[in-house]
Amino acid sequence: VHSDQGSQYASGDYLDFLSVHNLIPSMSRRGHCLDNAVAESFFHSLKTERVKRKVYVNRSEAKADLFDYIEVFYNRTRLHSHLGHVTPDEYENTYSQAS
């Protein structure tokens, strides 16, 4: 589980929670805010474009909606500035063909 160096992510309660659920904590290095910029951008997009607007009835509905957002919209439709304004699928197909 990657996070910034906020004190809430270093607290005993948070670290105990991760341990109980067999999760490993990970933090950006101090002063290196771009270590995880692409992942942070993805989660910002996910939250603002999809999750913030939804109320899920159950976990299955949430999983299906997140799958739809990631696999159908985010990877196949949404243009990404860090990929030269193409979709991840288009970028991967171009890169794979160049190899």
PDB file of N, CA and C in Angstrom:
ATOM      1  N   VAL A   1       0.860  -1.156   0.000  1.00  0.00           N
ATOM      2  CA  VAL A   1       0.000   0.000   0.000  1.00  0.00           C
ATOM      3  C   VAL A   1       0.904   1.215   0.000  1.00  0.00           C
ATOM      4  N   HIS A   2       0.869   1.983  -1.094  1.00  0.00           N
ATOM      5  CA  HIS A   2       1.749   3.143  -1.212  1.00  0.00           C
ATOM      6  C   HIS A   2       1.059   4.399  -0.712  1.00  0.00           C
ATOM      7  N   SER A   3       1.789   5.210   0.009  1.00  0.00           N
ATOM      8  CA  SER A   3       1.242   6.467   0.522  1.00  0.00           C
ATOM      9  C   SER A   3       2.340   7.516   0.556  1.00  0.00           C
ATOM     10  N   ASP A   4       1.943   8.742   0.878  1.00  0.00           N
ATOM     11  CA  ASP A   4       2.953   9.761   1.115  1.00  0.00           C
ATOM     12  C   ASP A   4       3.445   9.598   2.552  1.00  0.00           C
ATOM     13  N   GLN A   5       4.217  10.547   3.027  1.00  0.00           N
ATOM     14  CA  GLN A   5       4.790  10.415   4.372  1.00  0.00           C
ATOM     15  C   GLN A   5       3.953  11.099   5.445  1.00  0.00           C
ATOM     16  N   GLY A   6       2.661  11.211   5.228  1.00  0.00           N
ATOM     17  CA  GLY A   6       1.793  11.794   6.234  1.00  0.00           C
ATOM     18  C   GLY A   6       1.830  11.007   7.533  1.00  0.00           C
ATOM     19  N   SER A   7       1.702  11.713   8.646  1.00  0.00           N
ATOM     20  CA  SER A   7       1.801  11.058   9.958  1.00  0.00           C
ATOM     21  C   SER A   7       0.747   9.975  10.147  1.00  0.00           C
ATOM     22  N   GLN A   8      -0.425  10.140   9.493  1.00  0.00           N
ATOM     23  CA  GLN A   8      -1.472   9.128   9.637  1.00  0.00           C
ATOM     24  C   GLN A   8      -1.027   7.783   9.064  1.00  0.00           C
ATOM     25  N   TYR A   9      -0.102   7.809   8.080  1.00  0.00           N
ATOM     26  CA  TYR A   9       0.358   6.573   7.461  1.00  0.00           C
ATOM     27  C   TYR A   9       1.514   5.935   8.221  1.00  0.00           C
ATOM     28  N   ALA A  10       2.024   6.632   9.217  1.00  0.00           N
ATOM     29  CA  ALA A  10       3.088   6.084  10.055  1.00  0.00           C
ATOM     30  C   ALA A  10       2.568   5.714  11.441  1.00  0.00           C
ATOM     31  N   SER A  11       1.281   5.930  11.688  1.00  0.00           N
ATOM     32  CA  SER A  11       0.718   5.670  13.013  1.00  0.00           C
ATOM     33  C   SER A  11       0.672   4.175  13.304  1.00  0.00           C
ATOM     34  N   GLY A  12       0.728   3.860  14.554  1.00  0.00           N
ATOM     35  CA  GLY A  12       0.671   2.463  14.981  1.00  0.00           C
ATOM     36  C   GLY A  12      -0.607   1.768  14.547  1.00  0.00           C
ATOM     37  N   ASP A  13      -1.742   2.470  14.663  1.00  0.00           N
ATOM     38  CA  ASP A  13      -3.029   1.872  14.277  1.00  0.00           C
ATOM     39  C   ASP A  13      -3.047   1.501  12.797  1.00  0.00           C
ATOM     40  N   TYR A  14      -2.536   2.406  11.958  1.00  0.00           N
ATOM     41  CA  TYR A  14      -2.523   2.155  10.519  1.00  0.00           C
ATOM     42  C   TYR A  14      -1.587   0.981  10.189  1.00  0.00           C
ATOM     43  N   LEU A  15      -0.408   0.979  10.786  1.00  0.00           N
ATOM     44  CA  LEU A  15       0.549  -0.104  10.529  1.00  0.00           C
ATOM     45  C   LEU A  15       0.024  -1.440  11.051  1.00  0.00           C
ATOM     46  N   ASP A  16      -0.657  -1.422  12.185  1.00  0.00           N
ATOM     47  CA  ASP A  16      -1.280  -2.649  12.702  1.00  0.00           C
ATOM     48  C   ASP A  16      -2.352  -3.159  11.741  1.00  0.00           C
ATOM     49  N   PHE A  17      -3.169  -2.245  11.206  1.00  0.00           N
ATOM     50  CA  PHE A  17      -4.204  -2.617  10.236  1.00  0.00           C
ATOM     51  C   PHE A  17      -3.579  -3.300   9.025  1.00  0.00           C
ATOM     52  N   LEU A  18      -2.514  -2.704   8.489  1.00  0.00           N
ATOM     53  CA  LEU A  18      -1.840  -3.305   7.333  1.00  0.00           C
ATOM     54  C   LEU A  18      -1.319  -4.696   7.671  1.00  0.00           C
ATOM     55  N   SER A  19      -0.717  -4.824   8.820  1.00  0.00           N
ATOM     56  CA  SER A  19      -0.159  -6.116   9.234  1.00  0.00           C
ATOM     57  C   SER A  19      -1.242  -7.183   9.362  1.00  0.00           C
ATOM     58  N   VAL A  20      -2.344  -6.849   9.994  1.00  0.00           N
ATOM     59  CA  VAL A  20      -3.455  -7.794  10.171  1.00  0.00           C
ATOM     60  C   VAL A  20      -3.982  -8.280   8.827  1.00  0.00           C
ATOM     61  N   HIS A  21      -3.936  -7.405   7.816  1.00  0.00           N
ATOM     62  CA  HIS A  21      -4.465  -7.754   6.493  1.00  0.00           C
ATOM     63  C   HIS A  21      -3.369  -8.185   5.513  1.00  0.00           C
ATOM     64  N   ASN A  22      -2.188  -8.511   6.062  1.00  0.00           N
ATOM     65  CA  ASN A  22      -1.048  -8.970   5.259  1.00  0.00           C
ATOM     66  C   ASN A  22      -0.687  -8.007   4.137  1.00  0.00           C
ATOM     67  N   LEU A  23      -0.715  -6.709   4.446  1.00  0.00           N
ATOM     68  CA  LEU A  23      -0.355  -5.677   3.483  1.00  0.00           C
ATOM     69  C   LEU A  23       0.983  -5.065   3.881  1.00  0.00           C
ATOM     70  N   ILE A  24       1.760  -4.659   2.911  1.00  0.00           N
ATOM     71  CA  ILE A  24       3.084  -4.091   3.161  1.00  0.00           C
ATOM     72  C   ILE A  24       3.045  -2.591   2.885  1.00  0.00           C
ATOM     73  N   PRO A  25       3.453  -1.764   3.872  1.00  0.00           N
ATOM     74  CA  PRO A  25       3.444  -0.323   3.645  1.00  0.00           C
ATOM     75  C   PRO A  25       4.591   0.118   2.735  1.00  0.00           C
ATOM     76  N   SER A  26       4.354   1.168   1.973  1.00  0.00           N
ATOM     77  CA  SER A  26       5.359   1.751   1.092  1.00  0.00           C
ATOM     78  C   SER A  26       5.152   3.252   1.106  1.00  0.00           C
ATOM     79  N   MET A  27       6.244   4.014   1.195  1.00  0.00           N
ATOM     80  CA  MET A  27       6.140   5.478   1.204  1.00  0.00           C
ATOM     81  C   MET A  27       7.112   6.065   0.203  1.00  0.00           C
ATOM     82  N   SER A  28       6.718   7.215  -0.360  1.00  0.00           N
ATOM     83  CA  SER A  28       7.625   7.969  -1.211  1.00  0.00           C
ATOM     84  C   SER A  28       8.803   8.445  -0.373  1.00  0.00           C
ATOM     85  N   ARG A  29       9.925   8.625  -1.019  1.00  0.00           N
ATOM     86  CA  ARG A  29      11.091   9.172  -0.325  1.00  0.00           C
ATOM     87  C   ARG A  29      10.848  10.653  -0.050  1.00  0.00           C
ATOM     88  N   ARG A  30      11.374  11.124   1.046  1.00  0.00           N
ATOM     89  CA  ARG A  30      11.215  12.526   1.408  1.00  0.00           C
ATOM     90  C   ARG A  30      11.796  13.413   0.300  1.00  0.00           C
ATOM     91  N   GLY A  31      11.000  14.382  -0.130  1.00  0.00           N
ATOM     92  CA  GLY A  31      11.452  15.309  -1.153  1.00  0.00           C
ATOM     93  C   GLY A  31      11.341  14.787  -2.575  1.00  0.00           C
ATOM     94  N   HIS A  32      10.778  13.598  -2.749  1.00  0.00           N
ATOM     95  CA  HIS A  32      10.625  13.009  -4.082  1.00  0.00           C
ATOM     96  C   HIS A  32       9.135  12.775  -4.365  1.00  0.00           C
ATOM     97  N   CYS A  33       8.407  13.869  -4.465  1.00  0.00           N
ATOM     98  CA  CYS A  33       6.952  13.786  -4.590  1.00  0.00           C
ATOM     99  C   CYS A  33       6.512  13.159  -5.912  1.00  0.00           C
ATOM    100  N   LEU A  34       7.396  13.054  -6.886  1.00  0.00           N
ATOM    101  CA  LEU A  34       7.007  12.485  -8.169  1.00  0.00           C
ATOM    102  C   LEU A  34       7.290  10.989  -8.266  1.00  0.00           C
ATOM    103  N   ASP A  35       7.772  10.376  -7.178  1.00  0.00           N
ATOM    104  CA  ASP A  35       8.052   8.938  -7.181  1.00  0.00           C
ATOM    105  C   ASP A  35       6.877   8.136  -7.714  1.00  0.00           C
ATOM    106  N   ASN A  36       5.699   8.523  -7.351  1.00  0.00           N
ATOM    107  CA  ASN A  36       4.515   7.737  -7.671  1.00  0.00           C
ATOM    108  C   ASN A  36       3.469   8.591  -8.389  1.00  0.00           C
ATOM    109  N   ALA A  37       3.918   9.535  -9.181  1.00  0.00           N
ATOM    110  CA  ALA A  37       3.009  10.514  -9.785  1.00  0.00           C
ATOM    111  C   ALA A  37       1.974   9.875 -10.695  1.00  0.00           C
ATOM    112  N   VAL A  38       2.366   8.896 -11.492  1.00  0.00           N
ATOM    113  CA  VAL A  38       1.416   8.280 -12.423  1.00  0.00           C
ATOM    114  C   VAL A  38       0.332   7.529 -11.652  1.00  0.00           C
ATOM    115  N   ALA A  39       0.722   6.775 -10.634  1.00  0.00           N
ATOM    116  CA  ALA A  39      -0.261   6.043  -9.834  1.00  0.00           C
ATOM    117  C   ALA A  39      -1.182   7.010  -9.085  1.00  0.00           C
ATOM    118  N   GLU A  40      -0.598   8.070  -8.539  1.00  0.00           N
ATOM    119  CA  GLU A  40      -1.425   9.046  -7.829  1.00  0.00           C
ATOM    120  C   GLU A  40      -2.388   9.740  -8.780  1.00  0.00           C
ATOM    121  N   SER A  41      -1.954   9.999  -9.999  1.00  0.00           N
ATOM    122  CA  SER A  41      -2.828  10.597 -11.002  1.00  0.00           C
ATOM    123  C   SER A  41      -3.986   9.658 -11.329  1.00  0.00           C
ATOM    124  N   PHE A  42      -3.681   8.363 -11.457  1.00  0.00           N
ATOM    125  CA  PHE A  42      -4.731   7.378 -11.729  1.00  0.00           C
ATOM    126  C   PHE A  42      -5.773   7.374 -10.614  1.00  0.00           C
ATOM    127  N   PHE A  43      -5.335   7.299  -9.369  1.00  0.00           N
ATOM    128  CA  PHE A  43      -6.288   7.234  -8.266  1.00  0.00           C
ATOM    129  C   PHE A  43      -7.086   8.535  -8.132  1.00  0.00           C
ATOM    130  N   HIS A  44      -6.462   9.663  -8.435  1.00  0.00           N
ATOM    131  CA  HIS A  44      -7.213  10.925  -8.447  1.00  0.00           C
ATOM    132  C   HIS A  44      -8.313  10.868  -9.504  1.00  0.00           C
ATOM    133  N   SER A  45      -7.964  10.395 -10.692  1.00  0.00           N
ATOM    134  CA  SER A  45      -8.954  10.286 -11.768  1.00  0.00           C
ATOM    135  C   SER A  45     -10.070   9.330 -11.382  1.00  0.00           C
ATOM    136  N   LEU A  46      -9.706   8.199 -10.832  1.00  0.00           N
ATOM    137  CA  LEU A  46     -10.701   7.206 -10.411  1.00  0.00           C
ATOM    138  C   LEU A  46     -11.677   7.811  -9.404  1.00  0.00           C
ATOM    139  N   LYS A  47     -11.136   8.484  -8.423  1.00  0.00           N
ATOM    140  CA  LYS A  47     -11.993   9.067  -7.384  1.00  0.00           C
ATOM    141  C   LYS A  47     -12.898  10.169  -7.937  1.00  0.00           C
ATOM    142  N   THR A  48     -12.321  11.090  -8.719  1.00  0.00           N
ATOM    143  CA  THR A  48     -13.104  12.238  -9.162  1.00  0.00           C
ATOM    144  C   THR A  48     -14.025  11.925 -10.332  1.00  0.00           C
ATOM    145  N   GLU A  49     -13.605  11.007 -11.208  1.00  0.00           N
ATOM    146  CA  GLU A  49     -14.415  10.706 -12.390  1.00  0.00           C
ATOM    147  C   GLU A  49     -15.444   9.611 -12.155  1.00  0.00           C
ATOM    148  N   ARG A  50     -15.254   8.788 -11.140  1.00  0.00           N
ATOM    149  CA  ARG A  50     -16.169   7.661 -10.990  1.00  0.00           C
ATOM    150  C   ARG A  50     -16.672   7.460  -9.570  1.00  0.00           C
ATOM    151  N   VAL A  51     -15.801   7.178  -8.653  1.00  0.00           N
ATOM    152  CA  VAL A  51     -16.209   6.727  -7.314  1.00  0.00           C
ATOM    153  C   VAL A  51     -16.937   7.809  -6.530  1.00  0.00           C
ATOM    154  N   LYS A  52     -16.500   9.056  -6.650  1.00  0.00           N
ATOM    155  CA  LYS A  52     -17.115  10.150  -5.886  1.00  0.00           C
ATOM    156  C   LYS A  52     -18.599  10.302  -6.210  1.00  0.00           C
ATOM    157  N   ARG A  53     -18.989   9.924  -7.393  1.00  0.00           N
ATOM    158  CA  ARG A  53     -20.372  10.097  -7.842  1.00  0.00           C
ATOM    159  C   ARG A  53     -21.252   8.879  -7.576  1.00  0.00           C
ATOM    160  N   LYS A  54     -20.694   7.813  -7.045  1.00  0.00           N
ATOM    161  CA  LYS A  54     -21.425   6.544  -6.919  1.00  0.00           C
ATOM    162  C   LYS A  54     -21.721   6.191  -5.471  1.00  0.00           C
ATOM    163  N   VAL A  55     -22.831   5.518  -5.304  1.00  0.00           N
ATOM    164  CA  VAL A  55     -23.146   4.858  -4.040  1.00  0.00           C
ATOM    165  C   VAL A  55     -23.385   3.403  -4.406  1.00  0.00           C
ATOM    166  N   TYR A  56     -22.505   2.542  -3.961  1.00  0.00           N
ATOM    167  CA  TYR A  56     -22.589   1.123  -4.315  1.00  0.00           C
ATOM    168  C   TYR A  56     -23.459   0.370  -3.315  1.00  0.00           C
ATOM    169  N   VAL A  57     -24.319  -0.493  -3.827  1.00  0.00           N
ATOM    170  CA  VAL A  57     -25.206  -1.281  -2.979  1.00  0.00           C
ATOM    171  C   VAL A  57     -24.423  -2.374  -2.253  1.00  0.00           C
ATOM    172  N   ASN A  58     -23.435  -2.943  -2.945  1.00  0.00           N
ATOM    173  CA  ASN A  58     -22.624  -4.000  -2.341  1.00  0.00           C
ATOM    174  C   ASN A  58     -21.255  -4.044  -3.010  1.00  0.00           C
ATOM    175  N   ARG A  59     -20.401  -4.897  -2.496  1.00  0.00           N
ATOM    176  CA  ARG A  59     -19.035  -5.015  -2.994  1.00  0.00           C
ATOM    177  C   ARG A  59     -18.996  -5.501  -4.443  1.00  0.00           C
ATOM    178  N   SER A  60     -19.882  -6.401  -4.807  1.00  0.00           N
ATOM    179  CA  SER A  60     -19.916  -6.915  -6.182  1.00  0.00           C
ATOM    180  C   SER A  60     -20.210  -5.804  -7.184  1.00  0.00           C
ATOM    181  N   GLU A  61     -21.144  -4.948  -6.839  1.00  0.00           N
ATOM    182  CA  GLU A  61     -21.462  -3.819  -7.717  1.00  0.00           C
ATOM    183  C   GLU A  61     -20.258  -2.884  -7.846  1.00  0.00           C
ATOM    184  N   ALA A  62     -19.577  -2.632  -6.742  1.00  0.00           N
ATOM    185  CA  ALA A  62     -18.391  -1.771  -6.763  1.00  0.00           C
ATOM    186  C   ALA A  62     -17.298  -2.386  -7.637  1.00  0.00           C
ATOM    187  N   LYS A  63     -17.057  -3.680  -7.472  1.00  0.00           N
ATOM    188  CA  LYS A  63     -16.031  -4.351  -8.281  1.00  0.00           C
ATOM    189  C   LYS A  63     -16.352  -4.270  -9.767  1.00  0.00           C
ATOM    190  N   ALA A  64     -17.602  -4.507 -10.125  1.00  0.00           N
ATOM    191  CA  ALA A  64     -18.009  -4.463 -11.532  1.00  0.00           C
ATOM    192  C   ALA A  64     -17.845  -3.050 -12.090  1.00  0.00           C
ATOM    193  N   ASP A  65     -18.212  -2.047 -11.316  1.00  0.00           N
ATOM    194  CA  ASP A  65     -18.101  -0.673 -11.780  1.00  0.00           C
ATOM    195  C   ASP A  65     -16.635  -0.256 -11.919  1.00  0.00           C
ATOM    196  N   LEU A  66     -15.800  -0.641 -10.970  1.00  0.00           N
ATOM    197  CA  LEU A  66     -14.378  -0.318 -11.059  1.00  0.00           C
ATOM    198  C   LEU A  66     -13.729  -1.020 -12.245  1.00  0.00           C
ATOM    199  N   PHE A  67     -14.117  -2.270 -12.493  1.00  0.00           N
ATOM    200  CA  PHE A  67     -13.609  -2.991 -13.656  1.00  0.00           C
ATOM    201  C   PHE A  67     -13.997  -2.248 -14.931  1.00  0.00           C
ATOM    202  N   ASP A  68     -15.253  -1.821 -15.014  1.00  0.00           N
ATOM    203  CA  ASP A  68     -15.724  -1.095 -16.187  1.00  0.00           C
ATOM    204  C   ASP A  68     -14.937   0.203 -16.375  1.00  0.00           C
ATOM    205  N   TYR A  69     -14.731   0.938 -15.296  1.00  0.00           N
ATOM    206  CA  TYR A  69     -13.991   2.197 -15.392  1.00  0.00           C
ATOM    207  C   TYR A  69     -12.568   1.954 -15.883  1.00  0.00           C
ATOM    208  N   ILE A  70     -11.879   0.989 -15.274  1.00  0.00           N
ATOM    209  CA  ILE A  70     -10.468   0.764 -15.599  1.00  0.00           C
ATOM    210  C   ILE A  70     -10.295   0.123 -16.970  1.00  0.00           C
ATOM    211  N   GLU A  71     -10.971  -0.998 -17.193  1.00  0.00           N
ATOM    212  CA  GLU A  71     -10.732  -1.776 -18.411  1.00  0.00           C
ATOM    213  C   GLU A  71     -11.437  -1.229 -19.645  1.00  0.00           C
ATOM    214  N   VAL A  72     -12.586  -0.617 -19.480  1.00  0.00           N
ATOM    215  CA  VAL A  72     -13.326  -0.127 -20.638  1.00  0.00           C
ATOM    216  C   VAL A  72     -13.038   1.352 -20.896  1.00  0.00           C
ATOM    217  N   PHE A  73     -13.198   2.185 -19.877  1.00  0.00           N
ATOM    218  CA  PHE A  73     -13.020   3.621 -20.090  1.00  0.00           C
ATOM    219  C   PHE A  73     -11.555   4.051 -19.992  1.00  0.00           C
ATOM    220  N   TYR A  74     -10.924   3.813 -18.855  1.00  0.00           N
ATOM    221  CA  TYR A  74      -9.596   4.367 -18.592  1.00  0.00           C
ATOM    222  C   TYR A  74      -8.548   3.845 -19.568  1.00  0.00           C
ATOM    223  N   ASN A  75      -8.553   2.550 -19.842  1.00  0.00           N
ATOM    224  CA  ASN A  75      -7.534   1.964 -20.713  1.00  0.00           C
ATOM    225  C   ASN A  75      -7.842   2.073 -22.199  1.00  0.00           C
ATOM    226  N   ARG A  76      -9.112   2.140 -22.572  1.00  0.00           N
ATOM    227  CA  ARG A  76      -9.473   2.098 -23.992  1.00  0.00           C
ATOM    228  C   ARG A  76     -10.002   3.406 -24.562  1.00  0.00           C
ATOM    229  N   THR A  77     -10.475   4.315 -23.694  1.00  0.00           N
ATOM    230  CA  THR A  77     -11.126   5.534 -24.176  1.00  0.00           C
ATOM    231  C   THR A  77     -10.430   6.808 -23.716  1.00  0.00           C
ATOM    232  N   ARG A  78     -10.056   6.862 -22.440  1.00  0.00           N
ATOM    233  CA  ARG A  78      -9.524   8.097 -21.853  1.00  0.00           C
ATOM    234  C   ARG A  78      -8.117   8.387 -22.375  1.00  0.00           C
ATOM    235  N   LEU A  79      -7.914   9.604 -22.879  1.00  0.00           N
ATOM    236  CA  LEU A  79      -6.599  10.016 -23.368  1.00  0.00           C
ATOM    237  C   LEU A  79      -5.729  10.434 -22.189  1.00  0.00           C
ATOM    238  N   HIS A  80      -4.442  10.122 -22.260  1.00  0.00           N
ATOM    239  CA  HIS A  80      -3.513  10.384 -21.158  1.00  0.00           C
ATOM    240  C   HIS A  80      -2.399  11.307 -21.627  1.00  0.00           C
ATOM    241  N   SER A  81      -2.239  12.426 -20.964  1.00  0.00           N
ATOM    242  CA  SER A  81      -1.235  13.403 -21.384  1.00  0.00           C
ATOM    243  C   SER A  81       0.180  12.841 -21.275  1.00  0.00           C
ATOM    244  N   HIS A  82       0.451  12.041 -20.246  1.00  0.00           N
ATOM    245  CA  HIS A  82       1.812  11.508 -20.095  1.00  0.00           C
ATOM    246  C   HIS A  82       2.130  10.417 -21.128  1.00  0.00           C
ATOM    247  N   LEU A  83       1.144  10.006 -21.926  1.00  0.00           N
ATOM    248  CA  LEU A  83       1.369   9.034 -22.996  1.00  0.00           C
ATOM    249  C   LEU A  83       1.273   9.689 -24.374  1.00  0.00           C
ATOM    250  N   GLY A  84       1.317  11.002 -24.404  1.00  0.00           N
ATOM    251  CA  GLY A  84       1.221  11.703 -25.673  1.00  0.00           C
ATOM    252  C   GLY A  84      -0.205  11.831 -26.179  1.00  0.00           C
ATOM    253  N   HIS A  85      -1.159  11.898 -25.262  1.00  0.00           N
ATOM    254  CA  HIS A  85      -2.589  12.068 -25.578  1.00  0.00           C
ATOM    255  C   HIS A  85      -3.162  10.904 -26.387  1.00  0.00           C
ATOM    256  N   VAL A  86      -2.776   9.689 -26.000  1.00  0.00           N
ATOM    257  CA  VAL A  86      -3.389   8.472 -26.530  1.00  0.00           C
ATOM    258  C   VAL A  86      -3.843   7.641 -25.342  1.00  0.00           C
ATOM    259  N   THR A  87      -4.631   6.608 -25.612  1.00  0.00           N
ATOM    260  CA  THR A  87      -5.080   5.728 -24.532  1.00  0.00           C
ATOM    261  C   THR A  87      -3.958   4.758 -24.165  1.00  0.00           C
ATOM    262  N   PRO A  88      -4.005   4.170 -22.960  1.00  0.00           N
ATOM    263  CA  PRO A  88      -3.005   3.163 -22.615  1.00  0.00           C
ATOM    264  C   PRO A  88      -2.990   1.994 -23.599  1.00  0.00           C
ATOM    265  N   ASP A  89      -4.154   1.566 -24.072  1.00  0.00           N
ATOM    266  CA  ASP A  89      -4.191   0.481 -25.056  1.00  0.00           C
ATOM    267  C   ASP A  89      -3.478   0.871 -26.341  1.00  0.00           C
ATOM    268  N   GLU A  90      -3.747   2.093 -26.843  1.00  0.00           N
ATOM    269  CA  GLU A  90      -3.081   2.551 -28.066  1.00  0.00           C
ATOM    270  C   GLU A  90      -1.568   2.632 -27.859  1.00  0.00           C
ATOM    271  N   TYR A  91      -1.165   3.153 -26.720  1.00  0.00           N
ATOM    272  CA  TYR A  91       0.255   3.273 -26.413  1.00  0.00           C
ATOM    273  C   TYR A  91       0.911   1.898 -26.350  1.00  0.00           C
ATOM    274  N   GLU A  92       0.269   0.969 -25.653  1.00  0.00           N
ATOM    275  CA  GLU A  92       0.821  -0.385 -25.523  1.00  0.00           C
ATOM    276  C   GLU A  92       0.908  -1.075 -26.865  1.00  0.00           C
ATOM    277  N   ASN A  93      -0.131  -0.938 -27.692  1.00  0.00           N
ATOM    278  CA  ASN A  93      -0.108  -1.564 -29.012  1.00  0.00           C
ATOM    279  C   ASN A  93       1.002  -0.976 -29.881  1.00  0.00           C
ATOM    280  N   THR A  94       1.192   0.325 -29.808  1.00  0.00           N
ATOM    281  CA  THR A  94       2.266   0.975 -30.586  1.00  0.00           C
ATOM    282  C   THR A  94       3.623   0.528 -30.081  1.00  0.00           C
ATOM    283  N   TYR A  95       3.794   0.532 -28.762  1.00  0.00           N
ATOM    284  CA  TYR A  95       5.089   0.150 -28.167  1.00  0.00           C
ATOM    285  C   TYR A  95       5.390  -1.315 -28.436  1.00  0.00           C
ATOM    286  N   SER A  96       4.388  -2.187 -28.322  1.00  0.00           N
ATOM    287  CA  SER A  96       4.574  -3.627 -28.549  1.00  0.00           C
ATOM    288  C   SER A  96       4.998  -3.900 -29.992  1.00  0.00           C
ATOM    289  N   GLN A  97       4.424  -3.158 -30.943  1.00  0.00           N
ATOM    290  CA  GLN A  97       4.745  -3.352 -32.356  1.00  0.00           C
ATOM    291  C   GLN A  97       6.135  -2.851 -32.679  1.00  0.00           C
ATOM    292  N   ALA A  98       6.618  -1.847 -31.922  1.00  0.00           N
ATOM    293  CA  ALA A  98       7.941  -1.295 -32.184  1.00  0.00           C
ATOM    294  C   ALA A  98       9.045  -2.196 -31.658  1.00  0.00           C
ATOM    295  N   SER A  99       8.722  -3.101 -30.741  1.00  0.00           N
ATOM    296  CA  SER A  99       9.738  -3.971 -30.126  1.00  0.00           C
ATOM    297  C   SER A  99      10.173  -5.086 -31.018  1.00  0.00           C
TER     298      SER A  99
END
